[in-house]
């Protein structure tokens, strides 16, 4: 259902923002990361095909951090983190620098969710 999808999407956005999904940072106890892995295995895909056209608007409206709360430095950091995650290329860099903070976090959350599922 769309409501359940939104809850999972928000959960994964918070995991990215707080670092729950990254075992290498070592910020949280190891059992937290194990629990995040368990949730990842049972999580649905974060987007339905019929909702794609509304995704940008929904991300801007319902993202845990609103556009006005994000500094230029935080936006830059989010873009750099996405570059590190996806790899560096001229074409990719050009596209990443057009993304909003919410879009960067959403892409990071999808990547981390799928990476954690594979571990």
PDB file of N, CA and C in Angstrom:
ATOM      1  N   UNK A   1       0.837  -1.190   0.000  1.00  0.00           N
ATOM      2  CA  UNK A   1       0.000   0.000   0.000  1.00  0.00           C
ATOM      3  C   UNK A   1       0.882   1.255   0.000  1.00  0.00           C
ATOM      4  N   UNK A   2       0.376   2.346  -0.521  1.00  0.00           N
ATOM      5  CA  UNK A   2       1.165   3.591  -0.547  1.00  0.00           C
ATOM      6  C   UNK A   2       1.583   4.076   0.850  1.00  0.00           C
ATOM      7  N   UNK A   3       0.714   3.875   1.846  1.00  0.00           N
ATOM      8  CA  UNK A   3       1.050   4.318   3.201  1.00  0.00           C
ATOM      9  C   UNK A   3       2.226   3.505   3.765  1.00  0.00           C
ATOM     10  N   UNK A   4       2.204   2.209   3.558  1.00  0.00           N
ATOM     11  CA  UNK A   4       3.288   1.349   4.017  1.00  0.00           C
ATOM     12  C   UNK A   4       4.585   1.680   3.286  1.00  0.00           C
ATOM     13  N   UNK A   5       4.481   1.920   1.985  1.00  0.00           N
ATOM     14  CA  UNK A   5       5.651   2.299   1.207  1.00  0.00           C
ATOM     15  C   UNK A   5       6.269   3.582   1.753  1.00  0.00           C
ATOM     16  N   UNK A   6       5.435   4.573   2.081  1.00  0.00           N
ATOM     17  CA  UNK A   6       5.933   5.837   2.633  1.00  0.00           C
ATOM     18  C   UNK A   6       6.648   5.595   3.965  1.00  0.00           C
ATOM     19  N   UNK A   7       6.107   4.731   4.804  1.00  0.00           N
ATOM     20  CA  UNK A   7       6.749   4.429   6.091  1.00  0.00           C
ATOM     21  C   UNK A   7       8.118   3.783   5.892  1.00  0.00           C
ATOM     22  N   UNK A   8       8.218   2.837   4.985  1.00  0.00           N
ATOM     23  CA  UNK A   8       9.513   2.220   4.704  1.00  0.00           C
ATOM     24  C   UNK A   8      10.471   3.228   4.089  1.00  0.00           C
ATOM     25  N   UNK A   9       9.973   4.060   3.188  1.00  0.00           N
ATOM     26  CA  UNK A   9      10.834   5.075   2.559  1.00  0.00           C
ATOM     27  C   UNK A   9      11.386   6.014   3.622  1.00  0.00           C
ATOM     28  N   UNK A  10      10.521   6.467   4.526  1.00  0.00           N
ATOM     29  CA  UNK A  10      10.976   7.348   5.611  1.00  0.00           C
ATOM     30  C   UNK A  10      11.987   6.636   6.515  1.00  0.00           C
ATOM     31  N   UNK A  11      11.718   5.372   6.810  1.00  0.00           N
ATOM     32  CA  UNK A  11      12.645   4.597   7.636  1.00  0.00           C
ATOM     33  C   UNK A  11      14.027   4.566   7.005  1.00  0.00           C
ATOM     34  N   UNK A  12      14.113   4.279   5.701  1.00  0.00           N
ATOM     35  CA  UNK A  12      15.405   4.191   5.036  1.00  0.00           C
ATOM     36  C   UNK A  12      16.068   5.550   4.901  1.00  0.00           C
ATOM     37  N   UNK A  13      15.281   6.598   4.752  1.00  0.00           N
ATOM     38  CA  UNK A  13      15.871   7.943   4.738  1.00  0.00           C
ATOM     39  C   UNK A  13      16.515   8.257   6.084  1.00  0.00           C
ATOM     40  N   UNK A  14      15.820   7.908   7.162  1.00  0.00           N
ATOM     41  CA  UNK A  14      16.401   8.123   8.494  1.00  0.00           C
ATOM     42  C   UNK A  14      17.643   7.249   8.701  1.00  0.00           C
ATOM     43  N   UNK A  15      17.627   6.037   8.204  1.00  0.00           N
ATOM     44  CA  UNK A  15      18.808   5.173   8.315  1.00  0.00           C
ATOM     45  C   UNK A  15      20.014   5.817   7.646  1.00  0.00           C
ATOM     46  N   UNK A  16      19.802   6.441   6.496  1.00  0.00           N
ATOM     47  CA  UNK A  16      20.892   7.116   5.798  1.00  0.00           C
ATOM     48  C   UNK A  16      21.333   8.343   6.575  1.00  0.00           C
ATOM     49  N   UNK A  17      20.374   9.157   6.997  1.00  0.00           N
ATOM     50  CA  UNK A  17      20.710  10.392   7.712  1.00  0.00           C
ATOM     51  C   UNK A  17      21.451  10.127   9.018  1.00  0.00           C
ATOM     52  N   UNK A  18      21.069   9.059   9.710  1.00  0.00           N
ATOM     53  CA  UNK A  18      21.664   8.777  11.021  1.00  0.00           C
ATOM     54  C   UNK A  18      22.801   7.766  10.975  1.00  0.00           C
ATOM     55  N   UNK A  19      23.026   7.144   9.817  1.00  0.00           N
ATOM     56  CA  UNK A  19      24.124   6.204   9.679  1.00  0.00           C
ATOM     57  C   UNK A  19      23.833   4.798  10.170  1.00  0.00           C
ATOM     58  N   UNK A  20      22.569   4.459  10.397  1.00  0.00           N
ATOM     59  CA  UNK A  20      22.226   3.112  10.868  1.00  0.00           C
ATOM     60  C   UNK A  20      22.597   2.037   9.863  1.00  0.00           C
ATOM     61  N   UNK A  21      22.578   2.365   8.590  1.00  0.00           N
ATOM     62  CA  UNK A  21      22.754   1.338   7.562  1.00  0.00           C
ATOM     63  C   UNK A  21      24.211   1.141   7.161  1.00  0.00           C
ATOM     64  N   UNK A  22      25.119   1.793   7.844  1.00  0.00           N
ATOM     65  CA  UNK A  22      26.532   1.703   7.475  1.00  0.00           C
ATOM     66  C   UNK A  22      27.325   1.056   8.607  1.00  0.00           C
ATOM     67  N   UNK A  23      27.648  -0.213   8.443  1.00  0.00           N
ATOM     68  CA  UNK A  23      28.367  -0.941   9.499  1.00  0.00           C
ATOM     69  C   UNK A  23      29.803  -0.455   9.647  1.00  0.00           C
ATOM     70  N   UNK A  24      30.355   0.147   8.608  1.00  0.00           N
ATOM     71  CA  UNK A  24      31.750   0.584   8.636  1.00  0.00           C
ATOM     72  C   UNK A  24      31.976   1.820   9.494  1.00  0.00           C
ATOM     73  N   UNK A  25      30.945   2.629   9.689  1.00  0.00           N
ATOM     74  CA  UNK A  25      31.113   3.827  10.507  1.00  0.00           C
ATOM     75  C   UNK A  25      31.320   3.475  11.975  1.00  0.00           C
ATOM     76  N   UNK A  26      30.718   2.384  12.428  1.00  0.00           N
ATOM     77  CA  UNK A  26      30.883   1.939  13.803  1.00  0.00           C
ATOM     78  C   UNK A  26      30.303   2.892  14.829  1.00  0.00           C
ATOM     79  N   UNK A  27      29.345   3.712  14.413  1.00  0.00           N
ATOM     80  CA  UNK A  27      28.748   4.687  15.319  1.00  0.00           C
ATOM     81  C   UNK A  27      27.769   4.015  16.281  1.00  0.00           C
ATOM     82  N   UNK A  28      27.089   2.991  15.796  1.00  0.00           N
ATOM     83  CA  UNK A  28      26.062   2.326  16.581  1.00  0.00           C
ATOM     84  C   UNK A  28      26.501   0.900  16.905  1.00  0.00           C
ATOM     85  N   UNK A  29      25.916   0.324  17.955  1.00  0.00           N
ATOM     86  CA  UNK A  29      26.277  -1.053  18.324  1.00  0.00           C
ATOM     87  C   UNK A  29      26.031  -2.021  17.155  1.00  0.00           C
ATOM     88  N   UNK A  30      26.864  -3.058  17.027  1.00  0.00           N
ATOM     89  CA  UNK A  30      26.737  -4.004  15.919  1.00  0.00           C
ATOM     90  C   UNK A  30      25.358  -4.651  15.802  1.00  0.00           C
ATOM     91  N   UNK A  31      24.697  -4.883  16.950  1.00  0.00           N
ATOM     92  CA  UNK A  31      23.382  -5.523  16.867  1.00  0.00           C
ATOM     93  C   UNK A  31      22.346  -4.609  16.202  1.00  0.00           C
ATOM     94  N   UNK A  32      22.534  -3.297  16.225  1.00  0.00           N
ATOM     95  CA  UNK A  32      21.626  -2.388  15.520  1.00  0.00           C
ATOM     96  C   UNK A  32      21.741  -2.607  14.023  1.00  0.00           C
ATOM     97  N   UNK A  33      22.981  -2.735  13.566  1.00  0.00           N
ATOM     98  CA  UNK A  33      23.187  -2.965  12.135  1.00  0.00           C
ATOM     99  C   UNK A  33      22.584  -4.304  11.714  1.00  0.00           C
ATOM    100  N   UNK A  34      22.718  -5.325  12.557  1.00  0.00           N
ATOM    101  CA  UNK A  34      22.116  -6.628  12.257  1.00  0.00           C
ATOM    102  C   UNK A  34      20.605  -6.490  12.119  1.00  0.00           C
ATOM    103  N   UNK A  35      19.997  -5.712  13.001  1.00  0.00           N
ATOM    104  CA  UNK A  35      18.548  -5.511  12.934  1.00  0.00           C
ATOM    105  C   UNK A  35      18.151  -4.747  11.672  1.00  0.00           C
ATOM    106  N   UNK A  36      18.952  -3.782  11.284  1.00  0.00           N
ATOM    107  CA  UNK A  36      18.685  -3.050  10.037  1.00  0.00           C
ATOM    108  C   UNK A  36      18.766  -4.005   8.855  1.00  0.00           C
ATOM    109  N   UNK A  37      19.734  -4.912   8.879  1.00  0.00           N
ATOM    110  CA  UNK A  37      19.845  -5.927   7.822  1.00  0.00           C
ATOM    111  C   UNK A  37      18.598  -6.794   7.756  1.00  0.00           C
ATOM    112  N   UNK A  38      18.091  -7.191   8.915  1.00  0.00           N
ATOM    113  CA  UNK A  38      16.870  -8.006   8.950  1.00  0.00           C
ATOM    114  C   UNK A  38      15.690  -7.253   8.352  1.00  0.00           C
ATOM    115  N   UNK A  39      15.600  -5.975   8.661  1.00  0.00           N
ATOM    116  CA  UNK A  39      14.517  -5.154   8.102  1.00  0.00           C
ATOM    117  C   UNK A  39      14.688  -5.020   6.592  1.00  0.00           C
ATOM    118  N   UNK A  40      15.914  -4.860   6.139  1.00  0.00           N
ATOM    119  CA  UNK A  40      16.182  -4.715   4.703  1.00  0.00           C
ATOM    120  C   UNK A  40      15.696  -5.928   3.922  1.00  0.00           C
ATOM    121  N   UNK A  41      15.921  -7.085   4.479  1.00  0.00           N
ATOM    122  CA  UNK A  41      15.524  -8.319   3.802  1.00  0.00           C
ATOM    123  C   UNK A  41      14.011  -8.366   3.598  1.00  0.00           C
ATOM    124  N   UNK A  42      13.280  -7.793   4.543  1.00  0.00           N
ATOM    125  CA  UNK A  42      11.816  -7.846   4.480  1.00  0.00           C
ATOM    126  C   UNK A  42      11.180  -6.576   3.913  1.00  0.00           C
ATOM    127  N   UNK A  43      11.989  -5.585   3.605  1.00  0.00           N
ATOM    128  CA  UNK A  43      11.464  -4.308   3.088  1.00  0.00           C
ATOM    129  C   UNK A  43      10.986  -4.449   1.650  1.00  0.00           C
ATOM    130  N   UNK A  44       9.926  -3.713   1.317  1.00  0.00           N
ATOM    131  CA  UNK A  44       9.472  -3.715  -0.077  1.00  0.00           C
ATOM    132  C   UNK A  44      10.369  -2.816  -0.934  1.00  0.00           C
ATOM    133  N   UNK A  45      10.211  -2.926  -2.229  1.00  0.00           N
ATOM    134  CA  UNK A  45      10.868  -1.994  -3.145  1.00  0.00           C
ATOM    135  C   UNK A  45      10.336  -0.610  -2.792  1.00  0.00           C
ATOM    136  N   UNK A  46      11.186   0.423  -2.841  1.00  0.00           N
ATOM    137  CA  UNK A  46      10.799   1.739  -2.326  1.00  0.00           C
ATOM    138  C   UNK A  46       9.968   2.592  -3.269  1.00  0.00           C
ATOM    139  N   UNK A  47       9.592   2.079  -4.417  1.00  0.00           N
ATOM    140  CA  UNK A  47       8.761   2.868  -5.327  1.00  0.00           C
ATOM    141  C   UNK A  47       7.852   1.947  -6.124  1.00  0.00           C
ATOM    142  N   UNK A  48       6.624   2.404  -6.323  1.00  0.00           N
ATOM    143  CA  UNK A  48       5.695   1.710  -7.204  1.00  0.00           C
ATOM    144  C   UNK A  48       5.755   2.384  -8.553  1.00  0.00           C
ATOM    145  N   UNK A  49       5.615   1.630  -9.610  1.00  0.00           N
ATOM    146  CA  UNK A  49       5.760   2.193 -10.960  1.00  0.00           C
ATOM    147  C   UNK A  49       4.744   3.298 -11.246  1.00  0.00           C
ATOM    148  N   UNK A  50       3.533   3.193 -10.713  1.00  0.00           N
ATOM    149  CA  UNK A  50       2.533   4.232 -10.993  1.00  0.00           C
ATOM    150  C   UNK A  50       2.750   5.494 -10.158  1.00  0.00           C
ATOM    151  N   UNK A  51       3.657   5.457  -9.200  1.00  0.00           N
ATOM    152  CA  UNK A  51       3.905   6.626  -8.342  1.00  0.00           C
ATOM    153  C   UNK A  51       5.127   7.430  -8.777  1.00  0.00           C
ATOM    154  N   UNK A  52       5.838   6.964  -9.808  1.00  0.00           N
ATOM    155  CA  UNK A  52       7.088   7.612 -10.202  1.00  0.00           C
ATOM    156  C   UNK A  52       6.939   9.088 -10.511  1.00  0.00           C
ATOM    157  N   UNK A  53       5.862   9.459 -11.181  1.00  0.00           N
ATOM    158  CA  UNK A  53       5.707  10.853 -11.581  1.00  0.00           C
ATOM    159  C   UNK A  53       5.481  11.789 -10.394  1.00  0.00           C
ATOM    160  N   UNK A  54       5.076  11.230  -9.260  1.00  0.00           N
ATOM    161  CA  UNK A  54       4.814  12.048  -8.076  1.00  0.00           C
ATOM    162  C   UNK A  54       5.965  12.010  -7.068  1.00  0.00           C
ATOM    163  N   UNK A  55       6.987  11.241  -7.359  1.00  0.00           N
ATOM    164  CA  UNK A  55       8.046  11.017  -6.387  1.00  0.00           C
ATOM    165  C   UNK A  55       8.777  12.293  -5.983  1.00  0.00           C
ATOM    166  N   UNK A  56       9.181  13.113  -6.955  1.00  0.00           N
ATOM    167  CA  UNK A  56       9.907  14.341  -6.624  1.00  0.00           C
ATOM    168  C   UNK A  56       9.106  15.233  -5.684  1.00  0.00           C
ATOM    169  N   UNK A  57       7.857  15.427  -6.001  1.00  0.00           N
ATOM    170  CA  UNK A  57       7.004  16.282  -5.167  1.00  0.00           C
ATOM    171  C   UNK A  57       6.848  15.683  -3.770  1.00  0.00           C
ATOM    172  N   UNK A  58       6.615  14.383  -3.719  1.00  0.00           N
ATOM    173  CA  UNK A  58       6.455  13.723  -2.427  1.00  0.00           C
ATOM    174  C   UNK A  58       7.728  13.798  -1.591  1.00  0.00           C
ATOM    175  N   UNK A  59       8.874  13.622  -2.227  1.00  0.00           N
ATOM    176  CA  UNK A  59      10.134  13.708  -1.488  1.00  0.00           C
ATOM    177  C   UNK A  59      10.330  15.090  -0.886  1.00  0.00           C
ATOM    178  N   UNK A  60      10.040  16.117  -1.650  1.00  0.00           N
ATOM    179  CA  UNK A  60      10.208  17.484  -1.146  1.00  0.00           C
ATOM    180  C   UNK A  60       9.227  17.795  -0.020  1.00  0.00           C
ATOM    181  N   UNK A  61       8.018  17.275  -0.119  1.00  0.00           N
ATOM    182  CA  UNK A  61       6.992  17.560   0.887  1.00  0.00           C
ATOM    183  C   UNK A  61       7.208  16.752   2.159  1.00  0.00           C
ATOM    184  N   UNK A  62       7.503  15.463   2.005  1.00  0.00           N
ATOM    185  CA  UNK A  62       7.512  14.585   3.174  1.00  0.00           C
ATOM    186  C   UNK A  62       8.892  14.204   3.676  1.00  0.00           C
ATOM    187  N   UNK A  63       9.937  14.738   3.078  1.00  0.00           N
ATOM    188  CA  UNK A  63      11.290  14.396   3.522  1.00  0.00           C
ATOM    189  C   UNK A  63      11.495  14.855   4.956  1.00  0.00           C
ATOM    190  N   UNK A  64      12.186  14.048   5.771  1.00  0.00           N
ATOM    191  CA  UNK A  64      12.398  14.410   7.186  1.00  0.00           C
ATOM    192  C   UNK A  64      13.055  15.784   7.377  1.00  0.00           C
ATOM    193  N   UNK A  65      13.909  16.174   6.456  1.00  0.00           N
ATOM    194  CA  UNK A  65      14.529  17.496   6.531  1.00  0.00           C
ATOM    195  C   UNK A  65      14.007  18.344   5.383  1.00  0.00           C
ATOM    196  N   UNK A  66      13.396  19.431   5.703  1.00  0.00           N
ATOM    197  CA  UNK A  66      12.831  20.304   4.672  1.00  0.00           C
ATOM    198  C   UNK A  66      13.931  21.091   3.980  1.00  0.00           C
ATOM    199  N   UNK A  67      13.636  21.558   2.791  1.00  0.00           N
ATOM    200  CA  UNK A  67      14.620  22.250   1.961  1.00  0.00           C
ATOM    201  C   UNK A  67      15.278  23.418   2.701  1.00  0.00           C
ATOM    202  N   UNK A  68      14.508  24.171   3.454  1.00  0.00           N
ATOM    203  CA  UNK A  68      15.045  25.321   4.183  1.00  0.00           C
ATOM    204  C   UNK A  68      15.958  24.943   5.337  1.00  0.00           C
ATOM    205  N   UNK A  69      15.891  23.685   5.778  1.00  0.00           N
ATOM    206  CA  UNK A  69      16.725  23.219   6.889  1.00  0.00           C
ATOM    207  C   UNK A  69      18.110  22.773   6.437  1.00  0.00           C
ATOM    208  N   UNK A  70      18.320  22.662   5.147  1.00  0.00           N
ATOM    209  CA  UNK A  70      19.563  22.139   4.593  1.00  0.00           C
ATOM    210  C   UNK A  70      20.482  23.285   4.195  1.00  0.00           C
ATOM    211  N   UNK A  71      21.717  23.233   4.672  1.00  0.00           N
ATOM    212  CA  UNK A  71      22.693  24.257   4.290  1.00  0.00           C
ATOM    213  C   UNK A  71      23.331  23.869   2.951  1.00  0.00           C
ATOM    214  N   UNK A  72      23.978  24.828   2.334  1.00  0.00           N
ATOM    215  CA  UNK A  72      24.686  24.575   1.080  1.00  0.00           C
ATOM    216  C   UNK A  72      25.761  23.511   1.301  1.00  0.00           C
ATOM    217  N   UNK A  73      26.433  23.565   2.438  1.00  0.00           N
ATOM    218  CA  UNK A  73      27.464  22.584   2.764  1.00  0.00           C
ATOM    219  C   UNK A  73      26.899  21.170   2.892  1.00  0.00           C
ATOM    220  N   UNK A  74      25.736  21.053   3.510  1.00  0.00           N
ATOM    221  CA  UNK A  74      25.108  19.737   3.654  1.00  0.00           C
ATOM    222  C   UNK A  74      24.671  19.188   2.298  1.00  0.00           C
ATOM    223  N   UNK A  75      24.169  20.061   1.447  1.00  0.00           N
ATOM    224  CA  UNK A  75      23.794  19.639   0.097  1.00  0.00           C
ATOM    225  C   UNK A  75      25.030  19.158  -0.657  1.00  0.00           C
ATOM    226  N   UNK A  76      26.114  19.912  -0.546  1.00  0.00           N
ATOM    227  CA  UNK A  76      27.371  19.528  -1.200  1.00  0.00           C
ATOM    228  C   UNK A  76      27.863  18.189  -0.662  1.00  0.00           C
ATOM    229  N   UNK A  77      27.792  18.008   0.638  1.00  0.00           N
ATOM    230  CA  UNK A  77      28.223  16.752   1.253  1.00  0.00           C
ATOM    231  C   UNK A  77      27.376  15.575   0.767  1.00  0.00           C
ATOM    232  N   UNK A  78      26.064  15.787   0.648  1.00  0.00           N
ATOM    233  CA  UNK A  78      25.170  14.732   0.153  1.00  0.00           C
ATOM    234  C   UNK A  78      25.509  14.367  -1.289  1.00  0.00           C
ATOM    235  N   UNK A  79      25.807  15.363  -2.094  1.00  0.00           N
ATOM    236  CA  UNK A  79      26.162  15.102  -3.492  1.00  0.00           C
ATOM    237  C   UNK A  79      27.491  14.358  -3.593  1.00  0.00           C
ATOM    238  N   UNK A  80      28.468  14.759  -2.780  1.00  0.00           N
ATOM    239  CA  UNK A  80      29.761  14.072  -2.784  1.00  0.00           C
ATOM    240  C   UNK A  80      29.627  12.624  -2.313  1.00  0.00           C
ATOM    241  N   UNK A  81      28.800  12.408  -1.290  1.00  0.00           N
ATOM    242  CA  UNK A  81      28.576  11.049  -0.791  1.00  0.00           C
ATOM    243  C   UNK A  81      27.937  10.182  -1.873  1.00  0.00           C
ATOM    244  N   UNK A  82      27.014  10.761  -2.621  1.00  0.00           N
ATOM    245  CA  UNK A  82      26.381  10.017  -3.708  1.00  0.00           C
ATOM    246  C   UNK A  82      27.386   9.700  -4.811  1.00  0.00           C
ATOM    247  N   UNK A  83      28.261  10.649  -5.100  1.00  0.00           N
ATOM    248  CA  UNK A  83      29.320  10.397  -6.080  1.00  0.00           C
ATOM    249  C   UNK A  83      30.213   9.237  -5.630  1.00  0.00           C
ATOM    250  N   UNK A  84      30.583   9.238  -4.358  1.00  0.00           N
ATOM    251  CA  UNK A  84      31.425   8.163  -3.830  1.00  0.00           C
ATOM    252  C   UNK A  84      30.699   6.819  -3.922  1.00  0.00           C
ATOM    253  N   UNK A  85      29.417   6.827  -3.665  1.00  0.00           N
ATOM    254  CA  UNK A  85      28.633   5.603  -3.707  1.00  0.00           C
ATOM    255  C   UNK A  85      28.507   5.059  -5.122  1.00  0.00           C
ATOM    256  N   UNK A  86      28.207   5.939  -6.063  1.00  0.00           N
ATOM    257  CA  UNK A  86      27.925   5.506  -7.433  1.00  0.00           C
ATOM    258  C   UNK A  86      29.142   5.490  -8.339  1.00  0.00           C
ATOM    259  N   UNK A  87      30.217   6.116  -7.918  1.00  0.00           N
ATOM    260  CA  UNK A  87      31.411   6.189  -8.748  1.00  0.00           C
ATOM    261  C   UNK A  87      31.459   7.523  -9.473  1.00  0.00           C
ATOM    262  N   UNK A  88      32.626   7.876  -9.876  1.00  0.00           N
ATOM    263  CA  UNK A  88      32.816   9.195 -10.499  1.00  0.00           C
ATOM    264  C   UNK A  88      32.906   9.062 -12.018  1.00  0.00           C
ATOM    265  N   UNK A  89      32.126   9.868 -12.685  1.00  0.00           N
ATOM    266  CA  UNK A  89      32.221  10.021 -14.138  1.00  0.00           C
ATOM    267  C   UNK A  89      31.692  11.406 -14.463  1.00  0.00           C
ATOM    268  N   UNK A  90      32.128  11.960 -15.559  1.00  0.00           N
ATOM    269  CA  UNK A  90      31.727  13.312 -15.928  1.00  0.00           C
ATOM    270  C   UNK A  90      30.211  13.413 -16.076  1.00  0.00           C
ATOM    271  N   UNK A  91      29.630  12.469 -16.780  1.00  0.00           N
ATOM    272  CA  UNK A  91      28.175  12.482 -17.002  1.00  0.00           C
ATOM    273  C   UNK A  91      27.414  12.321 -15.692  1.00  0.00           C
ATOM    274  N   UNK A  92      27.844  11.392 -14.867  1.00  0.00           N
ATOM    275  CA  UNK A  92      27.188  11.161 -13.581  1.00  0.00           C
ATOM    276  C   UNK A  92      27.322  12.374 -12.671  1.00  0.00           C
ATOM    277  N   UNK A  93      28.506  12.969 -12.622  1.00  0.00           N
ATOM    278  CA  UNK A  93      28.712  14.166 -11.795  1.00  0.00           C
ATOM    279  C   UNK A  93      27.783  15.293 -12.221  1.00  0.00           C
ATOM    280  N   UNK A  94      27.624  15.467 -13.517  1.00  0.00           N
ATOM    281  CA  UNK A  94      26.735  16.519 -14.030  1.00  0.00           C
ATOM    282  C   UNK A  94      25.298  16.287 -13.550  1.00  0.00           C
ATOM    283  N   UNK A  95      24.864  15.037 -13.583  1.00  0.00           N
ATOM    284  CA  UNK A  95      23.504  14.717 -13.140  1.00  0.00           C
ATOM    285  C   UNK A  95      23.352  14.878 -11.628  1.00  0.00           C
ATOM    286  N   UNK A  96      24.352  14.432 -10.880  1.00  0.00           N
ATOM    287  CA  UNK A  96      24.281  14.508  -9.418  1.00  0.00           C
ATOM    288  C   UNK A  96      24.196  15.961  -8.951  1.00  0.00           C
ATOM    289  N   UNK A  97      24.905  16.849  -9.607  1.00  0.00           N
ATOM    290  CA  UNK A  97      24.885  18.253  -9.188  1.00  0.00           C
ATOM    291  C   UNK A  97      23.588  18.970  -9.526  1.00  0.00           C
ATOM    292  N   UNK A  98      22.671  18.286 -10.180  1.00  0.00           N
ATOM    293  CA  UNK A  98      21.341  18.843 -10.436  1.00  0.00           C
ATOM    294  C   UNK A  98      20.321  18.345  -9.410  1.00  0.00           C
ATOM    295  N   UNK A  99      20.712  17.396  -8.569  1.00  0.00           N
ATOM    296  CA  UNK A  99      19.793  16.792  -7.613  1.00  0.00           C
ATOM    297  C   UNK A  99      19.626  17.648  -6.361  1.00  0.00           C
ATOM    298  N   UNK A 100      18.449  17.562  -5.773  1.00  0.00           N
ATOM    299  CA  UNK A 100      18.187  18.207  -4.488  1.00  0.00           C
ATOM    300  C   UNK A 100      18.716  17.303  -3.374  1.00  0.00           C
ATOM    301  N   UNK A 101      18.733  17.820  -2.165  1.00  0.00           N
ATOM    302  CA  UNK A 101      19.157  17.032  -1.012  1.00  0.00           C
ATOM    303  C   UNK A 101      18.263  15.804  -0.852  1.00  0.00           C
ATOM    304  N   UNK A 102      16.950  16.000  -0.958  1.00  0.00           N
ATOM    305  CA  UNK A 102      16.003  14.889  -0.802  1.00  0.00           C
ATOM    306  C   UNK A 102      16.253  13.811  -1.851  1.00  0.00           C
ATOM    307  N   UNK A 103      16.516  14.211  -3.081  1.00  0.00           N
ATOM    308  CA  UNK A 103      16.783  13.238  -4.137  1.00  0.00           C
ATOM    309  C   UNK A 103      18.081  12.477  -3.866  1.00  0.00           C
ATOM    310  N   UNK A 104      19.106  13.169  -3.398  1.00  0.00           N
ATOM    311  CA  UNK A 104      20.370  12.508  -3.060  1.00  0.00           C
ATOM    312  C   UNK A 104      20.165  11.474  -1.953  1.00  0.00           C
ATOM    313  N   UNK A 105      19.434  11.851  -0.920  1.00  0.00           N
ATOM    314  CA  UNK A 105      19.190  10.945   0.190  1.00  0.00           C
ATOM    315  C   UNK A 105      18.337   9.755  -0.237  1.00  0.00           C
ATOM    316  N   UNK A 106      17.373  10.008  -1.106  1.00  0.00           N
ATOM    317  CA  UNK A 106      16.528   8.929  -1.610  1.00  0.00           C
ATOM    318  C   UNK A 106      17.363   7.918  -2.393  1.00  0.00           C
ATOM    319  N   UNK A 107      18.216   8.403  -3.284  1.00  0.00           N
ATOM    320  CA  UNK A 107      19.072   7.498  -4.056  1.00  0.00           C
ATOM    321  C   UNK A 107      20.037   6.734  -3.155  1.00  0.00           C
ATOM    322  N   UNK A 108      20.581   7.424  -2.147  1.00  0.00           N
ATOM    323  CA  UNK A 108      21.457   6.751  -1.185  1.00  0.00           C
ATOM    324  C   UNK A 108      20.684   5.659  -0.435  1.00  0.00           C
ATOM    325  N   UNK A 109      19.438   5.968  -0.051  1.00  0.00           N
ATOM    326  CA  UNK A 109      18.658   4.989   0.708  1.00  0.00           C
ATOM    327  C   UNK A 109      18.353   3.755  -0.133  1.00  0.00           C
ATOM    328  N   UNK A 110      18.034   3.944  -1.406  1.00  0.00           N
ATOM    329  CA  UNK A 110      17.785   2.791  -2.276  1.00  0.00           C
ATOM    330  C   UNK A 110      19.063   1.963  -2.421  1.00  0.00           C
ATOM    331  N   UNK A 111      20.172   2.628  -2.651  1.00  0.00           N
ATOM    332  CA  UNK A 111      21.445   1.917  -2.802  1.00  0.00           C
ATOM    333  C   UNK A 111      21.776   1.121  -1.541  1.00  0.00           C
ATOM    334  N   UNK A 112      21.686   1.772  -0.377  1.00  0.00           N
ATOM    335  CA  UNK A 112      22.034   1.094   0.875  1.00  0.00           C
ATOM    336  C   UNK A 112      21.068  -0.053   1.165  1.00  0.00           C
ATOM    337  N   UNK A 113      19.770   0.153   0.915  1.00  0.00           N
ATOM    338  CA  UNK A 113      18.794  -0.908   1.143  1.00  0.00           C
ATOM    339  C   UNK A 113      19.167  -2.137   0.322  1.00  0.00           C
ATOM    340  N   UNK A 114      19.429  -1.929  -0.953  1.00  0.00           N
ATOM    341  CA  UNK A 114      19.754  -3.068  -1.813  1.00  0.00           C
ATOM    342  C   UNK A 114      21.111  -3.674  -1.452  1.00  0.00           C
ATOM    343  N   UNK A 115      22.084  -2.853  -1.082  1.00  0.00           N
ATOM    344  CA  UNK A 115      23.393  -3.375  -0.678  1.00  0.00           C
ATOM    345  C   UNK A 115      23.275  -4.198   0.598  1.00  0.00           C
ATOM    346  N   UNK A 116      22.485  -3.720   1.549  1.00  0.00           N
ATOM    347  CA  UNK A 116      22.313  -4.439   2.808  1.00  0.00           C
ATOM    348  C   UNK A 116      21.573  -5.754   2.559  1.00  0.00           C
ATOM    349  N   UNK A 117      20.606  -5.740   1.649  1.00  0.00           N
ATOM    350  CA  UNK A 117      19.892  -6.984   1.315  1.00  0.00           C
ATOM    351  C   UNK A 117      20.850  -8.052   0.795  1.00  0.00           C
ATOM    352  N   UNK A 118      21.882  -7.637   0.072  1.00  0.00           N
ATOM    353  CA  UNK A 118      22.813  -8.586  -0.544  1.00  0.00           C
ATOM    354  C   UNK A 118      23.865  -9.122   0.422  1.00  0.00           C
ATOM    355  N   UNK A 119      24.050  -8.455   1.561  1.00  0.00           N
ATOM    356  CA  UNK A 119      25.089  -8.886   2.509  1.00  0.00           C
ATOM    357  C   UNK A 119      24.701 -10.171   3.212  1.00  0.00           C
TER     358      UNK A 119
END
